[in-house]
Protein backbone atom coordinates (compact mmCIF):
# COMPACT_ATOMS: atom_id res chain seq x y z
CA MET A 1 0.05 -0.28 0.22
CA THR A 2 1.46 3.18 -1.26
CA ASP A 3 1.32 6.56 1.69
CA ILE A 4 -1.40 8.06 -0.44
CA GLU A 5 -3.74 4.93 -0.60
CA ALA A 6 -2.88 4.91 3.25
CA LEU A 7 -3.88 8.27 3.32
CA LEU A 8 -7.11 7.68 1.54
CA SER A 9 -8.00 4.58 3.96
CA VAL A 10 -7.43 6.85 6.63
CA ASP A 11 -10.25 9.55 5.05
CA ALA A 12 -12.52 6.48 4.68
CA GLY A 13 -12.01 5.74 8.21
CA ARG A 14 -9.62 2.56 8.17
CA THR A 15 -6.27 3.17 9.57
CA PRO A 16 -4.08 0.56 8.27
CA ALA A 17 -1.10 -1.74 10.48
CA GLY A 18 1.84 0.57 11.05
CA THR A 19 0.15 3.47 10.15
CA VAL A 20 -0.50 6.81 12.61
CA ALA A 21 -3.11 9.55 11.80
CA PHE A 22 -3.53 13.18 13.24
CA ARG A 23 -6.16 14.60 13.17
CA VAL A 24 -6.89 18.48 13.13
CA ALA A 25 -8.29 19.25 16.92
CA ASP A 26 -11.63 20.74 17.50
CA PRO A 27 -11.00 24.46 19.02
CA ASP A 28 -14.34 24.66 20.04
CA GLN A 29 -14.78 21.62 22.03
CA ALA A 30 -13.32 22.68 25.21
CA ALA A 31 -16.30 25.21 24.89
CA ARG A 32 -19.06 23.30 23.91
CA ARG A 33 -18.22 20.89 27.01
CA LEU A 34 -18.87 23.99 29.15
CA TRP A 35 -21.73 24.77 27.83
CA ALA A 36 -22.95 20.75 28.23
CA ALA A 37 -21.99 20.82 31.58
CA ILE A 38 -24.16 24.18 32.30
CA SER A 39 -26.84 23.18 30.57
CA GLY A 40 -26.78 19.67 32.72
CA VAL A 41 -26.91 22.60 35.64
CA ALA A 42 -29.65 24.24 34.78
CA ALA A 43 -31.76 21.24 33.67
CA LEU A 44 -31.28 19.74 37.27
CA ALA A 45 -32.24 23.32 38.85
CA THR A 46 -35.37 23.18 36.47
CA LEU A 47 -36.13 19.70 37.82
CA GLY A 48 -35.64 20.37 41.68
CA THR A 49 -37.30 23.46 40.80
CA GLY A 50 -40.23 21.97 39.44
CA ILE A 51 -40.36 18.86 42.22
CA GLY A 52 -39.88 21.97 45.27
CA GLY A 53 -43.33 23.17 44.07
CA GLY A 54 -40.90 26.24 42.54
CA GLY A 55 -43.74 28.51 40.14
CA ARG A 56 -44.11 27.93 36.67
CA VAL A 57 -42.66 30.87 35.68
CA ALA A 58 -39.19 29.76 37.70
CA VAL A 59 -39.62 26.15 36.09
CA SER A 60 -39.97 27.85 32.58
CA LEU A 61 -36.95 29.91 32.60
CA LEU A 62 -34.77 27.72 34.04
CA GLY A 63 -36.12 25.09 31.20
CA LEU A 64 -35.37 27.51 28.87
CA THR A 65 -32.05 28.22 30.06
CA ALA A 66 -31.10 24.55 30.09
CA ALA A 67 -32.07 24.64 25.94
CA ILE A 68 -30.16 27.66 25.28
CA PHE A 69 -27.01 26.00 26.94
CA ALA A 70 -27.81 22.66 24.91
CA VAL A 71 -27.59 24.21 21.72
CA LEU A 72 -24.63 26.17 22.34
CA ALA A 73 -23.02 23.03 23.13
CA THR A 74 -24.01 21.20 19.70
CA ARG A 75 -21.55 21.21 17.01
CA THR A 76 -22.54 22.83 13.84
CA LEU A 77 -21.27 22.10 10.47
CA SER A 78 -20.61 25.53 8.28
CA GLU A 79 -21.56 24.86 4.25
CA ASP A 80 -17.94 24.91 3.41
CA GLU A 81 -17.17 22.44 5.96
CA ASP A 82 -19.79 20.23 5.00
CA GLU A 83 -18.80 20.20 1.55
CA GLU A 84 -15.16 19.89 2.12
CA ARG A 85 -15.20 16.87 4.86
CA SER A 86 -12.76 14.62 3.40
CA LYS A 87 -10.41 17.29 3.22
CA LYS A 88 -9.29 18.14 6.45
CA PRO A 89 -6.51 18.54 7.93
CA ILE A 90 -4.44 15.67 8.76
CA VAL A 91 -0.81 14.53 9.25
CA VAL A 92 -0.23 10.42 8.49
CA ILE A 93 2.69 8.98 9.16
CA THR A 94 3.14 5.33 7.33
CA PRO A 95 6.32 3.10 7.54
CA ARG A 96 8.22 4.55 4.48
CA GLY A 97 6.92 7.97 4.33
CA VAL A 98 4.56 11.15 5.78
CA VAL A 99 1.66 12.34 4.33
CA ILE A 100 0.37 16.26 5.06
CA ARG A 101 -2.56 17.58 4.04
CA ASP A 102 -3.02 21.20 4.94
CA GLY A 103 -4.04 24.50 3.85
CA SER A 104 -0.71 24.60 1.70
CA GLY A 105 -1.92 21.45 0.06
CA LEU A 106 -0.98 17.67 -0.23
CA ARG A 107 2.67 17.00 0.62
CA HIS A 108 4.41 14.04 0.71
CA TRP A 109 7.85 12.62 1.93
CA GLN A 110 9.34 9.24 2.06
CA PHE A 111 11.69 8.83 5.31
CA GLU A 112 14.97 8.59 3.30
CA ASP A 113 14.45 11.66 0.95
CA LEU A 114 14.57 13.90 4.10
CA ALA A 115 17.48 15.73 4.82
CA SER A 116 16.26 17.03 8.38
CA VAL A 117 13.38 17.05 11.02
CA SER A 118 13.55 20.00 13.51
CA THR A 119 11.49 21.26 15.80
CA ARG A 120 11.05 25.55 16.09
CA TRP A 121 8.78 27.52 18.96
CA HIS A 122 7.29 30.61 17.49
CA MET A 123 4.60 32.49 19.96
CA ASP A 124 3.79 29.82 22.19
CA ARG A 125 3.01 27.39 19.14
CA LEU A 126 5.31 24.15 18.60
CA LEU A 127 6.42 23.85 14.96
CA LEU A 128 7.64 20.55 12.93
CA VAL A 129 10.30 21.51 10.19
CA LEU A 130 10.40 18.84 7.47
CA VAL A 131 12.96 19.78 5.00
CA GLY A 132 13.68 17.30 2.10
CA GLN A 133 16.77 16.26 0.08
CA ASP A 134 15.73 18.88 -2.91
CA GLY A 135 14.97 21.84 -0.07
CA LYS A 136 11.68 21.85 -0.12
CA ARG A 137 10.66 22.67 3.58
CA ALA A 138 7.16 22.19 5.45
CA LEU A 139 5.93 23.46 8.16
CA VAL A 140 3.44 21.32 10.61
CA ASP A 141 1.57 23.35 13.59
CA CYS A 142 1.84 20.46 15.77
CA GLN A 143 -0.41 22.15 17.95
CA ARG A 144 -3.32 22.01 15.55
CA PHE A 145 -3.40 17.95 15.65
CA ARG A 146 -5.09 16.35 18.57
CA ARG A 147 -1.52 14.29 20.13
CA GLY A 148 0.53 16.88 17.80
CA HIS A 149 2.61 17.12 20.47
CA ARG A 150 4.02 13.30 20.06
CA LEU A 151 4.23 14.37 15.94
CA PRO A 152 7.89 15.41 15.83
CA GLU A 153 9.51 11.98 18.25
CA ILE A 154 7.56 9.57 15.73
CA ILE A 155 9.00 10.68 12.76
CA SER A 156 12.64 11.86 14.31
CA ARG A 157 12.73 7.68 15.13
CA ARG A 158 11.58 6.60 11.62
CA VAL A 159 13.78 9.08 9.81
CA LYS A 160 17.33 7.38 9.18
CA PRO A 161 20.17 8.57 11.43
CA GLY A 162 22.03 11.48 11.11
CA ALA A 163 19.15 13.17 9.49
CA ALA A 164 16.97 13.74 12.48
CA GLN A 165 17.79 17.32 14.59
CA THR A 166 15.47 18.95 17.40
CA ALA A 167 16.55 22.63 17.82
CA GLN A 168 14.64 25.15 19.75
CA ALA A 169 14.45 28.58 18.51
């Protein structure tokens, strides 16, 4: 199986053996969890007020509050996101190479074609710098991906000795 076929398999929901996929992290997940917790508390307060003999207005307002926060906790898809579901940013590491799909397009390297792998810190973001033998560079924001802090370690382990370098600037 080629590296591109591995990417297509990961897009289809199947991760081949020996392949590691890093999907884009959801930046709104923490806020949605908070809204869900507030919705749960408001629902419990609604139930308690209703059982405790609270007035209809109080029960209605608490119920409405719970419903509003439940809607806020729901993930929504924009029209663009719905159309481009299969084109979400992803990093796929196979036994032979690495495939990166992001806003810069689709980039692919075999591990033997990588001249160096290094990390950099820029504005409190961990960046992975891949440099090919031909001089082409790829910059990957590791924190954009779930478990992205593991990207440099996994790629460096698979690159031939002497090519992988870790530096911080």
